[in-house]
Amino acid sequence: MIVAVVLGGTAFYVYTQVARSSYVTGRYIEKQQPVQFSHKHHTGDDGIDCRYCHTTVETTATAGMPSTQTCMNCHSQLYADQPYLEPVRASFRENQPIKWERVHDLPEYVYFNHSIHVAKGVGCSTCHGQIDNMPAVYQENTLQMEWCLQCHRNPENYIRPKTEIYNTQWSDADLSTEERIKLKDDYKIRGRMMLTSCSICHR
């Protein structure tokens, strides 16, 4: 019986570690994209605001992907003849969207709304990490249910002033506990019972 208990405990431990590994979650794995797009260059070096490309992040459930026209606003002039931008030019000429590889991909039974998180003071880097330092985008967090629940149980630990939502250099240590609690009240964030209700995310 002791051997059975030890083997069962070991098997459970191994399962929990494998379930949280990048092999299962896709965490830290860079995906090959049809265009060598660098957030580090565009956001980190050039200072382009997230909303310039992700135009619907404040108003809809999805952040939105930029149209090729958005790319061509700059690249009809800048690096206009570079070979690696040919997929962008071809997309513009043929009026066909670029087929990007999805990086942050939640299961279909999970409902996630970008706009409500932005409205309640959750910054981009809270979920996406230091994306302004990523030459190629990868998934910073596991996106598993336990990770989401960490925030939903104690949202005051993860919110920030709305003026800092798109500041990827923001640190959670920039606010005191009292300031966080005040922000939670100001933003009218609901209580733990409501935020951890199954129907919040599973609809």
N, C-alpha and C. Protein backbone atom coordinates (compact mmCIF):
# COMPACT_ATOMS: atom_id res chain seq x y z
N MET A 1 0.83 -1.21 0.00
CA MET A 1 0.00 0.00 0.00
C MET A 1 0.86 1.26 0.00
N ILE A 2 1.97 1.19 0.74
CA ILE A 2 2.87 2.35 0.78
C ILE A 2 3.43 2.63 -0.61
N VAL A 3 3.83 1.56 -1.30
CA VAL A 3 4.37 1.72 -2.66
C VAL A 3 3.32 2.32 -3.59
N ALA A 4 2.07 1.88 -3.46
CA ALA A 4 0.98 2.39 -4.30
C ALA A 4 0.76 3.88 -4.05
N VAL A 5 0.80 4.28 -2.75
CA VAL A 5 0.63 5.70 -2.41
C VAL A 5 1.77 6.53 -2.97
N VAL A 6 3.00 6.04 -2.82
CA VAL A 6 4.17 6.77 -3.33
C VAL A 6 4.11 6.90 -4.85
N LEU A 7 3.79 5.78 -5.53
CA LEU A 7 3.69 5.82 -6.99
C LEU A 7 2.57 6.76 -7.45
N GLY A 8 1.44 6.71 -6.74
CA GLY A 8 0.33 7.59 -7.09
C GLY A 8 0.69 9.05 -6.90
N GLY A 9 1.36 9.36 -5.78
CA GLY A 9 1.79 10.74 -5.53
C GLY A 9 2.80 11.21 -6.54
N THR A 10 3.73 10.32 -6.89
CA THR A 10 4.74 10.66 -7.90
C THR A 10 4.10 10.91 -9.25
N ALA A 11 3.17 10.05 -9.63
CA ALA A 11 2.48 10.20 -10.92
C ALA A 11 1.71 11.51 -10.96
N PHE A 12 1.05 11.86 -9.86
CA PHE A 12 0.29 13.12 -9.81
C PHE A 12 1.23 14.31 -9.93
N TYR A 13 2.36 14.26 -9.24
CA TYR A 13 3.34 15.35 -9.29
C TYR A 13 3.87 15.53 -10.71
N VAL A 14 4.22 14.41 -11.34
CA VAL A 14 4.73 14.47 -12.71
C VAL A 14 3.67 15.05 -13.65
N TYR A 15 2.43 14.65 -13.47
CA TYR A 15 1.34 15.16 -14.31
C TYR A 15 1.20 16.67 -14.17
N THR A 16 1.24 17.17 -12.91
CA THR A 16 1.08 18.62 -12.70
C THR A 16 2.22 19.40 -13.32
N GLN A 17 3.43 18.85 -13.28
CA GLN A 17 4.58 19.55 -13.86
C GLN A 17 4.53 19.55 -15.39
N VAL A 18 4.13 18.42 -15.96
CA VAL A 18 4.02 18.34 -17.41
C VAL A 18 2.91 19.27 -17.91
N ALA A 19 1.79 19.32 -17.16
CA ALA A 19 0.65 20.17 -17.56
C ALA A 19 1.02 21.64 -17.56
N ARG A 20 1.99 22.03 -16.74
CA ARG A 20 2.41 23.43 -16.66
C ARG A 20 3.62 23.73 -17.54
N SER A 21 4.15 22.74 -18.19
CA SER A 21 5.37 22.91 -18.97
C SER A 21 5.08 23.63 -20.29
N SER A 22 6.12 24.20 -20.87
CA SER A 22 5.96 24.89 -22.15
C SER A 22 5.57 23.92 -23.26
N TYR A 23 5.88 22.64 -23.08
CA TYR A 23 5.49 21.63 -24.06
C TYR A 23 3.97 21.58 -24.22
N VAL A 24 3.26 21.77 -23.11
CA VAL A 24 1.79 21.74 -23.14
C VAL A 24 1.21 23.13 -23.34
N THR A 25 1.76 24.12 -22.64
CA THR A 25 1.17 25.47 -22.65
C THR A 25 1.63 26.33 -23.83
N GLY A 26 2.78 25.99 -24.44
CA GLY A 26 3.31 26.82 -25.52
C GLY A 26 4.06 28.03 -25.01
N ARG A 27 4.29 28.10 -23.72
CA ARG A 27 4.97 29.25 -23.11
C ARG A 27 6.42 29.35 -23.59
N TYR A 28 6.84 30.57 -23.91
CA TYR A 28 8.21 30.91 -24.33
C TYR A 28 8.59 30.35 -25.71
N ILE A 29 7.65 29.80 -26.43
CA ILE A 29 7.96 29.25 -27.74
C ILE A 29 7.65 30.28 -28.82
N GLU A 30 8.67 30.66 -29.58
CA GLU A 30 8.48 31.60 -30.68
C GLU A 30 7.91 30.87 -31.89
N LYS A 31 6.95 31.51 -32.54
CA LYS A 31 6.35 30.92 -33.74
C LYS A 31 6.84 31.66 -34.98
N GLN A 32 7.10 30.89 -36.02
CA GLN A 32 7.53 31.49 -37.27
C GLN A 32 6.36 32.19 -37.93
N GLN A 33 6.57 33.45 -38.28
CA GLN A 33 5.53 34.26 -38.90
C GLN A 33 5.86 34.48 -40.39
N PRO A 34 4.87 34.79 -41.19
CA PRO A 34 5.12 35.03 -42.62
C PRO A 34 5.95 36.29 -42.88
N VAL A 35 6.01 37.19 -41.88
CA VAL A 35 6.81 38.41 -41.99
C VAL A 35 7.63 38.54 -40.72
N GLN A 36 8.87 38.95 -40.86
CA GLN A 36 9.74 39.12 -39.69
C GLN A 36 9.37 40.41 -38.96
N PHE A 37 8.27 40.35 -38.22
CA PHE A 37 7.80 41.54 -37.50
C PHE A 37 8.39 41.55 -36.10
N SER A 38 8.97 42.67 -35.72
CA SER A 38 9.59 42.79 -34.40
C SER A 38 8.87 43.84 -33.56
N HIS A 39 8.26 43.41 -32.46
CA HIS A 39 7.68 44.37 -31.53
C HIS A 39 8.79 45.20 -30.87
N LYS A 40 9.95 44.60 -30.68
CA LYS A 40 11.06 45.34 -30.07
C LYS A 40 11.42 46.55 -30.93
N HIS A 41 11.45 46.37 -32.23
CA HIS A 41 11.77 47.48 -33.12
C HIS A 41 10.64 48.51 -33.17
N HIS A 42 9.42 48.04 -33.40
CA HIS A 42 8.31 48.96 -33.61
C HIS A 42 7.85 49.64 -32.31
N THR A 43 7.74 48.86 -31.24
CA THR A 43 7.25 49.42 -29.98
C THR A 43 8.38 49.92 -29.09
N GLY A 44 9.40 49.07 -28.92
CA GLY A 44 10.50 49.43 -28.03
C GLY A 44 11.37 50.54 -28.58
N ASP A 45 11.83 50.39 -29.84
CA ASP A 45 12.75 51.38 -30.41
C ASP A 45 12.03 52.60 -30.97
N ASP A 46 10.94 52.35 -31.73
CA ASP A 46 10.26 53.46 -32.40
C ASP A 46 9.14 54.07 -31.55
N GLY A 47 8.74 53.39 -30.47
CA GLY A 47 7.74 53.95 -29.57
C GLY A 47 6.33 53.98 -30.12
N ILE A 48 6.00 53.08 -31.04
CA ILE A 48 4.64 53.05 -31.59
C ILE A 48 3.69 52.49 -30.55
N ASP A 49 2.62 53.20 -30.27
CA ASP A 49 1.63 52.79 -29.27
C ASP A 49 0.91 51.52 -29.72
N CYS A 50 0.61 50.66 -28.76
CA CYS A 50 -0.09 49.40 -29.05
C CYS A 50 -1.35 49.62 -29.88
N ARG A 51 -2.07 50.71 -29.57
CA ARG A 51 -3.37 50.95 -30.20
C ARG A 51 -3.27 51.35 -31.66
N TYR A 52 -2.08 51.71 -32.13
CA TYR A 52 -1.94 52.07 -33.54
C TYR A 52 -2.23 50.86 -34.42
N CYS A 53 -1.79 49.68 -33.96
CA CYS A 53 -2.03 48.45 -34.72
C CYS A 53 -3.23 47.67 -34.18
N HIS A 54 -3.32 47.59 -32.85
CA HIS A 54 -4.41 46.84 -32.22
C HIS A 54 -5.54 47.82 -31.87
N THR A 55 -6.26 48.21 -32.90
CA THR A 55 -7.16 49.36 -32.81
C THR A 55 -8.42 49.11 -31.98
N THR A 56 -8.81 47.85 -31.81
CA THR A 56 -10.09 47.58 -31.13
C THR A 56 -9.91 47.09 -29.70
N VAL A 57 -8.69 47.21 -29.17
CA VAL A 57 -8.41 46.65 -27.84
C VAL A 57 -9.25 47.30 -26.74
N GLU A 58 -9.68 48.55 -26.95
CA GLU A 58 -10.45 49.26 -25.91
C GLU A 58 -11.95 49.14 -26.10
N THR A 59 -12.37 48.58 -27.23
CA THR A 59 -13.81 48.61 -27.53
C THR A 59 -14.45 47.25 -27.79
N THR A 60 -13.65 46.24 -28.05
CA THR A 60 -14.22 44.92 -28.35
C THR A 60 -13.48 43.82 -27.60
N ALA A 61 -13.98 42.61 -27.75
CA ALA A 61 -13.37 41.46 -27.07
C ALA A 61 -11.97 41.17 -27.60
N THR A 62 -11.74 41.42 -28.88
CA THR A 62 -10.43 41.14 -29.47
C THR A 62 -9.63 42.43 -29.63
N ALA A 63 -8.31 42.28 -29.54
CA ALA A 63 -7.44 43.45 -29.71
C ALA A 63 -7.37 43.87 -31.16
N GLY A 64 -7.61 42.91 -32.07
CA GLY A 64 -7.58 43.22 -33.49
C GLY A 64 -6.17 43.13 -34.06
N MET A 65 -6.09 42.66 -35.28
CA MET A 65 -4.82 42.63 -36.01
C MET A 65 -4.82 43.76 -37.03
N PRO A 66 -3.67 44.39 -37.24
CA PRO A 66 -3.65 45.52 -38.18
C PRO A 66 -3.87 45.08 -39.61
N SER A 67 -4.56 45.90 -40.37
CA SER A 67 -4.69 45.64 -41.80
C SER A 67 -3.36 45.92 -42.47
N THR A 68 -3.19 45.41 -43.67
CA THR A 68 -1.95 45.67 -44.40
C THR A 68 -1.80 47.16 -44.69
N GLN A 69 -2.92 47.86 -44.82
CA GLN A 69 -2.87 49.30 -45.03
C GLN A 69 -2.14 49.99 -43.89
N THR A 70 -2.35 49.51 -42.67
CA THR A 70 -1.67 50.08 -41.51
C THR A 70 -0.16 49.93 -41.67
N CYS A 71 0.28 48.75 -42.11
CA CYS A 71 1.71 48.54 -42.33
C CYS A 71 2.23 49.47 -43.43
N MET A 72 1.45 49.59 -44.49
CA MET A 72 1.90 50.37 -45.65
C MET A 72 1.88 51.87 -45.39
N ASN A 73 1.19 52.31 -44.34
CA ASN A 73 1.24 53.73 -43.98
C ASN A 73 2.69 54.18 -43.81
N CYS A 74 3.51 53.29 -43.26
CA CYS A 74 4.93 53.60 -43.09
C CYS A 74 5.77 52.98 -44.21
N HIS A 75 5.48 51.71 -44.51
CA HIS A 75 6.39 50.96 -45.37
C HIS A 75 6.18 51.20 -46.86
N SER A 76 5.29 52.08 -47.24
CA SER A 76 5.28 52.54 -48.63
C SER A 76 6.45 53.49 -48.85
N GLN A 77 7.02 54.01 -47.74
CA GLN A 77 8.16 54.92 -47.81
C GLN A 77 9.41 54.31 -47.17
N LEU A 78 9.23 53.71 -45.99
CA LEU A 78 10.37 53.17 -45.24
C LEU A 78 10.61 51.72 -45.62
N TYR A 79 11.86 51.40 -45.98
CA TYR A 79 12.23 50.02 -46.35
C TYR A 79 11.30 49.46 -47.44
N ALA A 80 10.87 50.32 -48.32
CA ALA A 80 9.85 49.96 -49.31
C ALA A 80 10.31 48.88 -50.28
N ASP A 81 11.63 48.73 -50.47
CA ASP A 81 12.12 47.76 -51.44
C ASP A 81 12.80 46.56 -50.78
N GLN A 82 12.72 46.45 -49.48
CA GLN A 82 13.39 45.34 -48.80
C GLN A 82 12.70 44.01 -49.13
N PRO A 83 13.47 42.99 -49.47
CA PRO A 83 12.87 41.70 -49.85
C PRO A 83 12.01 41.08 -48.76
N TYR A 84 12.41 41.23 -47.50
CA TYR A 84 11.65 40.56 -46.43
C TYR A 84 10.27 41.18 -46.22
N LEU A 85 10.01 42.34 -46.82
CA LEU A 85 8.68 42.95 -46.72
C LEU A 85 7.80 42.64 -47.94
N GLU A 86 8.29 41.80 -48.82
CA GLU A 86 7.49 41.44 -50.00
C GLU A 86 6.14 40.83 -49.63
N PRO A 87 6.04 39.97 -48.57
CA PRO A 87 4.71 39.46 -48.20
C PRO A 87 3.73 40.58 -47.84
N VAL A 88 4.22 41.68 -47.27
CA VAL A 88 3.36 42.81 -46.94
C VAL A 88 2.90 43.50 -48.22
N ARG A 89 3.84 43.74 -49.13
CA ARG A 89 3.48 44.40 -50.39
C ARG A 89 2.53 43.53 -51.21
N ALA A 90 2.78 42.21 -51.20
CA ALA A 90 1.90 41.30 -51.95
C ALA A 90 0.50 41.30 -51.36
N SER A 91 0.42 41.32 -50.05
CA SER A 91 -0.88 41.37 -49.37
C SER A 91 -1.64 42.64 -49.76
N PHE A 92 -0.92 43.75 -49.84
CA PHE A 92 -1.55 45.02 -50.19
C PHE A 92 -2.00 45.02 -51.65
N ARG A 93 -1.15 44.52 -52.53
CA ARG A 93 -1.47 44.48 -53.97
C ARG A 93 -2.68 43.60 -54.24
N GLU A 94 -2.71 42.45 -53.59
CA GLU A 94 -3.73 41.44 -53.87
C GLU A 94 -4.96 41.57 -52.98
N ASN A 95 -4.90 42.52 -52.06
CA ASN A 95 -6.02 42.75 -51.14
C ASN A 95 -6.38 41.47 -50.37
N GLN A 96 -5.33 40.78 -49.92
CA GLN A 96 -5.49 39.56 -49.13
C GLN A 96 -4.75 39.74 -47.80
N PRO A 97 -5.41 39.41 -46.68
CA PRO A 97 -4.74 39.59 -45.39
C PRO A 97 -3.55 38.65 -45.21
N ILE A 98 -2.59 39.10 -44.44
CA ILE A 98 -1.45 38.25 -44.10
C ILE A 98 -1.92 37.18 -43.12
N LYS A 99 -1.49 35.96 -43.33
CA LYS A 99 -1.92 34.85 -42.46
C LYS A 99 -0.91 34.68 -41.33
N TRP A 100 -1.12 35.44 -40.26
CA TRP A 100 -0.24 35.37 -39.09
C TRP A 100 -0.50 34.09 -38.30
N GLU A 101 0.53 33.60 -37.66
CA GLU A 101 0.40 32.46 -36.75
C GLU A 101 -0.02 32.98 -35.39
N ARG A 102 -1.12 32.47 -34.87
CA ARG A 102 -1.62 32.92 -33.58
C ARG A 102 -0.68 32.50 -32.46
N VAL A 103 -0.36 33.43 -31.56
CA VAL A 103 0.55 33.15 -30.46
C VAL A 103 -0.23 32.87 -29.18
N HIS A 104 -1.15 33.76 -28.83
CA HIS A 104 -1.96 33.60 -27.62
C HIS A 104 -3.31 33.00 -28.04
N ASP A 105 -3.45 31.71 -27.81
CA ASP A 105 -4.61 30.99 -28.33
C ASP A 105 -5.34 30.28 -27.20
N LEU A 106 -6.41 30.89 -26.72
CA LEU A 106 -7.20 30.27 -25.66
C LEU A 106 -8.13 29.21 -26.25
N PRO A 107 -8.50 28.21 -25.45
CA PRO A 107 -9.47 27.21 -25.94
C PRO A 107 -10.80 27.89 -26.29
N GLU A 108 -11.54 27.28 -27.17
CA GLU A 108 -12.80 27.89 -27.63
C GLU A 108 -13.85 27.98 -26.53
N TYR A 109 -13.70 27.19 -25.48
CA TYR A 109 -14.68 27.25 -24.39
C TYR A 109 -14.37 28.35 -23.37
N VAL A 110 -13.33 29.15 -23.65
CA VAL A 110 -12.96 30.25 -22.76
C VAL A 110 -13.31 31.57 -23.43
N TYR A 111 -14.04 32.41 -22.70
CA TYR A 111 -14.39 33.75 -23.20
C TYR A 111 -13.44 34.75 -22.56
N PHE A 112 -12.76 35.52 -23.40
CA PHE A 112 -11.87 36.57 -22.90
C PHE A 112 -12.17 37.86 -23.64
N ASN A 113 -12.33 38.95 -22.90
CA ASN A 113 -12.65 40.24 -23.48
C ASN A 113 -11.54 41.24 -23.15
N HIS A 114 -10.81 41.70 -24.17
CA HIS A 114 -9.74 42.67 -23.95
C HIS A 114 -10.27 43.98 -23.36
N SER A 115 -11.39 44.46 -23.89
CA SER A 115 -11.85 45.80 -23.53
C SER A 115 -12.18 45.92 -22.04
N ILE A 116 -12.79 44.90 -21.44
CA ILE A 116 -13.14 45.00 -20.03
C ILE A 116 -11.89 44.98 -19.16
N HIS A 117 -10.88 44.23 -19.57
CA HIS A 117 -9.64 44.20 -18.80
C HIS A 117 -8.93 45.55 -18.86
N VAL A 118 -8.90 46.15 -20.04
CA VAL A 118 -8.31 47.48 -20.18
C VAL A 118 -9.08 48.50 -19.34
N ALA A 119 -10.41 48.42 -19.39
CA ALA A 119 -11.26 49.36 -18.65
C ALA A 119 -11.08 49.23 -17.14
N LYS A 120 -10.69 48.06 -16.68
CA LYS A 120 -10.50 47.83 -15.25
C LYS A 120 -9.05 47.97 -14.80
N GLY A 121 -8.19 48.46 -15.69
CA GLY A 121 -6.82 48.79 -15.27
C GLY A 121 -5.79 47.69 -15.42
N VAL A 122 -6.08 46.69 -16.25
CA VAL A 122 -5.09 45.63 -16.49
C VAL A 122 -4.25 46.04 -17.70
N GLY A 123 -2.95 46.16 -17.51
CA GLY A 123 -2.06 46.61 -18.57
C GLY A 123 -1.67 45.50 -19.52
N CYS A 124 -1.21 45.87 -20.70
CA CYS A 124 -0.80 44.90 -21.72
C CYS A 124 0.26 43.95 -21.18
N SER A 125 1.27 44.52 -20.50
CA SER A 125 2.40 43.69 -20.07
C SER A 125 2.03 42.73 -18.96
N THR A 126 0.90 42.95 -18.29
CA THR A 126 0.47 42.01 -17.25
C THR A 126 0.26 40.62 -17.83
N CYS A 127 -0.31 40.56 -19.02
CA CYS A 127 -0.56 39.27 -19.67
C CYS A 127 0.49 38.95 -20.73
N HIS A 128 0.91 39.96 -21.49
CA HIS A 128 1.78 39.71 -22.63
C HIS A 128 3.26 39.86 -22.32
N GLY A 129 3.60 40.32 -21.13
CA GLY A 129 5.00 40.47 -20.76
C GLY A 129 5.63 41.70 -21.41
N GLN A 130 6.96 41.76 -21.35
CA GLN A 130 7.71 42.90 -21.91
C GLN A 130 7.79 42.76 -23.42
N ILE A 131 6.66 42.99 -24.04
CA ILE A 131 6.57 42.76 -25.49
C ILE A 131 7.42 43.75 -26.28
N ASP A 132 7.75 44.86 -25.66
CA ASP A 132 8.61 45.84 -26.34
C ASP A 132 10.06 45.38 -26.39
N ASN A 133 10.38 44.25 -25.75
CA ASN A 133 11.72 43.67 -25.82
C ASN A 133 11.74 42.36 -26.61
N MET A 134 10.65 42.04 -27.30
CA MET A 134 10.55 40.77 -28.02
C MET A 134 10.75 40.97 -29.52
N PRO A 135 11.89 40.55 -30.06
CA PRO A 135 12.04 40.58 -31.52
C PRO A 135 11.00 39.70 -32.20
N ALA A 136 10.69 38.56 -31.57
CA ALA A 136 9.62 37.69 -32.04
C ALA A 136 8.70 37.42 -30.85
N VAL A 137 7.41 37.54 -31.07
CA VAL A 137 6.45 37.42 -29.96
C VAL A 137 6.35 35.97 -29.50
N TYR A 138 6.36 35.79 -28.20
CA TYR A 138 6.09 34.48 -27.61
C TYR A 138 5.12 34.66 -26.46
N GLN A 139 4.55 33.58 -26.03
CA GLN A 139 3.57 33.60 -24.93
C GLN A 139 4.32 33.67 -23.60
N GLU A 140 4.14 34.75 -22.88
CA GLU A 140 4.87 34.98 -21.63
C GLU A 140 4.32 34.14 -20.48
N ASN A 141 3.01 33.95 -20.44
CA ASN A 141 2.37 33.24 -19.34
C ASN A 141 1.69 31.96 -19.82
N THR A 142 1.30 31.12 -18.87
CA THR A 142 0.74 29.82 -19.25
C THR A 142 -0.65 29.93 -19.87
N LEU A 143 -1.41 30.97 -19.50
CA LEU A 143 -2.80 31.14 -19.92
C LEU A 143 -3.70 30.03 -19.40
N GLN A 144 -3.23 29.28 -18.43
CA GLN A 144 -4.06 28.25 -17.84
C GLN A 144 -5.01 28.86 -16.81
N MET A 145 -6.02 28.10 -16.46
CA MET A 145 -7.07 28.59 -15.58
C MET A 145 -6.51 29.07 -14.23
N GLU A 146 -5.54 28.34 -13.68
CA GLU A 146 -4.98 28.73 -12.38
C GLU A 146 -4.28 30.08 -12.46
N TRP A 147 -3.71 30.39 -13.64
CA TRP A 147 -3.05 31.68 -13.82
C TRP A 147 -4.08 32.81 -13.86
N CYS A 148 -5.18 32.59 -14.57
CA CYS A 148 -6.25 33.59 -14.63
C CYS A 148 -6.85 33.82 -13.23
N LEU A 149 -7.04 32.75 -12.51
CA LEU A 149 -7.67 32.85 -11.18
C LEU A 149 -6.81 33.62 -10.18
N GLN A 150 -5.50 33.59 -10.35
CA GLN A 150 -4.63 34.38 -9.48
C GLN A 150 -5.06 35.85 -9.48
N CYS A 151 -5.35 36.35 -10.66
CA CYS A 151 -5.76 37.75 -10.80
C CYS A 151 -7.21 37.94 -10.37
N HIS A 152 -8.08 37.04 -10.77
CA HIS A 152 -9.50 37.20 -10.46
C HIS A 152 -9.78 37.10 -8.96
N ARG A 153 -8.92 36.40 -8.23
CA ARG A 153 -9.09 36.30 -6.78
C ARG A 153 -8.58 37.55 -6.06
N ASN A 154 -7.53 38.16 -6.62
CA ASN A 154 -6.94 39.35 -5.99
C ASN A 154 -6.58 40.38 -7.06
N PRO A 155 -7.59 40.95 -7.72
CA PRO A 155 -7.31 41.85 -8.85
C PRO A 155 -6.51 43.09 -8.46
N GLU A 156 -6.61 43.51 -7.21
CA GLU A 156 -5.88 44.72 -6.79
C GLU A 156 -4.36 44.55 -6.92
N ASN A 157 -3.89 43.32 -6.97
CA ASN A 157 -2.44 43.08 -7.12
C ASN A 157 -1.94 43.28 -8.54
N TYR A 158 -2.87 43.41 -9.48
CA TYR A 158 -2.46 43.41 -10.89
C TYR A 158 -2.93 44.64 -11.67
N ILE A 159 -3.65 45.53 -11.04
CA ILE A 159 -4.16 46.69 -11.77
C ILE A 159 -3.22 47.89 -11.65
N ARG A 160 -3.44 48.85 -12.50
CA ARG A 160 -2.59 50.05 -12.53
C ARG A 160 -3.43 51.24 -12.97
N PRO A 161 -2.94 52.46 -12.83
CA PRO A 161 -3.69 53.62 -13.35
C PRO A 161 -3.91 53.48 -14.85
N LYS A 162 -5.04 53.95 -15.33
CA LYS A 162 -5.37 53.80 -16.75
C LYS A 162 -4.39 54.54 -17.65
N THR A 163 -3.71 55.54 -17.11
CA THR A 163 -2.71 56.25 -17.90
C THR A 163 -1.48 55.38 -18.17
N GLU A 164 -1.36 54.28 -17.44
CA GLU A 164 -0.19 53.41 -17.58
C GLU A 164 -0.50 52.07 -18.24
N ILE A 165 -1.72 51.92 -18.77
CA ILE A 165 -2.13 50.64 -19.37
C ILE A 165 -1.15 50.18 -20.44
N TYR A 166 -0.69 51.10 -21.29
CA TYR A 166 0.15 50.75 -22.42
C TYR A 166 1.64 50.96 -22.14
N ASN A 167 1.95 51.24 -20.89
CA ASN A 167 3.35 51.41 -20.48
C ASN A 167 3.93 50.04 -20.15
N THR A 168 4.73 49.50 -21.05
CA THR A 168 5.25 48.15 -20.85
C THR A 168 6.36 48.11 -19.81
N GLN A 169 6.84 49.27 -19.37
CA GLN A 169 7.87 49.31 -18.33
C GLN A 169 7.27 49.41 -16.93
N TRP A 170 5.95 49.41 -16.84
CA TRP A 170 5.29 49.52 -15.55
C TRP A 170 5.64 48.33 -14.66
N SER A 171 5.86 48.62 -13.39
CA SER A 171 6.14 47.56 -12.42
C SER A 171 5.04 47.52 -11.38
N ASP A 172 4.66 46.33 -10.96
CA ASP A 172 3.62 46.19 -9.94
C ASP A 172 4.03 46.86 -8.63
N ALA A 173 5.33 47.07 -8.45
CA ALA A 173 5.82 47.70 -7.22
C ALA A 173 5.64 49.22 -7.23
N ASP A 174 5.15 49.76 -8.35
CA ASP A 174 5.00 51.22 -8.46
C ASP A 174 3.83 51.77 -7.65
N LEU A 175 2.98 50.90 -7.12
CA LEU A 175 1.83 51.33 -6.32
C LEU A 175 1.89 50.68 -4.94
N SER A 176 1.43 51.43 -3.94
CA SER A 176 1.32 50.88 -2.59
C SER A 176 0.03 50.05 -2.50
N THR A 177 -0.08 49.27 -1.45
CA THR A 177 -1.28 48.46 -1.24
C THR A 177 -2.51 49.34 -1.14
N GLU A 178 -2.40 50.46 -0.45
CA GLU A 178 -3.53 51.37 -0.28
C GLU A 178 -3.97 51.95 -1.62
N GLU A 179 -2.99 52.30 -2.46
CA GLU A 179 -3.32 52.85 -3.78
C GLU A 179 -4.02 51.81 -4.65
N ARG A 180 -3.60 50.57 -4.52
CA ARG A 180 -4.22 49.50 -5.29
C ARG A 180 -5.68 49.29 -4.88
N ILE A 181 -5.91 49.27 -3.58
CA ILE A 181 -7.27 49.09 -3.08
C ILE A 181 -8.17 50.24 -3.53
N LYS A 182 -7.61 51.46 -3.52
CA LYS A 182 -8.38 52.62 -3.98
C LYS A 182 -8.71 52.51 -5.47
N LEU A 183 -7.74 52.03 -6.26
CA LEU A 183 -8.00 51.85 -7.70
C LEU A 183 -9.10 50.82 -7.91
N LYS A 184 -9.07 49.76 -7.12
CA LYS A 184 -10.09 48.72 -7.25
C LYS A 184 -11.47 49.29 -7.00
N ASP A 185 -11.58 50.18 -6.01
CA ASP A 185 -12.86 50.84 -5.72
C ASP A 185 -13.24 51.81 -6.83
N ASP A 186 -12.25 52.59 -7.29
CA ASP A 186 -12.51 53.58 -8.33
C ASP A 186 -12.98 52.92 -9.63
N TYR A 187 -12.40 51.77 -9.95
CA TYR A 187 -12.74 51.07 -11.19
C TYR A 187 -13.98 50.20 -11.04
N LYS A 188 -14.52 50.17 -9.80
CA LYS A 188 -15.72 49.37 -9.53
C LYS A 188 -15.53 47.90 -9.94
N ILE A 189 -14.40 47.36 -9.52
CA ILE A 189 -14.11 45.95 -9.80
C ILE A 189 -14.91 45.09 -8.83
N ARG A 190 -15.58 44.09 -9.34
CA ARG A 190 -16.46 43.25 -8.53
C ARG A 190 -15.67 42.38 -7.56
N GLY A 191 -16.38 41.78 -6.63
CA GLY A 191 -15.76 40.96 -5.61
C GLY A 191 -15.30 39.61 -6.11
N ARG A 192 -14.55 38.92 -5.25
CA ARG A 192 -13.98 37.63 -5.61
C ARG A 192 -15.03 36.61 -6.03
N MET A 193 -16.16 36.58 -5.33
CA MET A 193 -17.19 35.60 -5.64
C MET A 193 -17.69 35.74 -7.08
N MET A 194 -17.91 36.98 -7.50
CA MET A 194 -18.39 37.23 -8.86
C MET A 194 -17.28 36.92 -9.89
N LEU A 195 -16.06 37.38 -9.61
CA LEU A 195 -14.97 37.23 -10.57
C LEU A 195 -14.52 35.78 -10.75
N THR A 196 -14.81 34.93 -9.78
CA THR A 196 -14.43 33.53 -9.90
C THR A 196 -15.62 32.63 -10.24
N SER A 197 -16.75 33.25 -10.56
CA SER A 197 -17.91 32.49 -11.01
C SER A 197 -17.59 31.85 -12.37
N CYS A 198 -17.99 30.62 -12.56
CA CYS A 198 -17.67 29.89 -13.81
C CYS A 198 -18.13 30.66 -15.05
N SER A 199 -19.31 31.30 -14.95
CA SER A 199 -19.89 31.93 -16.12
C SER A 199 -19.15 33.19 -16.56
N ILE A 200 -18.25 33.70 -15.75
CA ILE A 200 -17.46 34.87 -16.16
C ILE A 200 -16.61 34.53 -17.37
N CYS A 201 -16.01 33.35 -17.37
CA CYS A 201 -15.11 32.95 -18.45
C CYS A 201 -15.65 31.85 -19.35
N HIS A 202 -16.57 31.05 -18.82
CA HIS A 202 -17.10 29.92 -19.59
C HIS A 202 -18.57 30.21 -19.92
N ARG A 203 -18.80 30.59 -21.18
CA ARG A 203 -20.15 31.00 -21.58
C ARG A 203 -20.66 30.16 -22.74
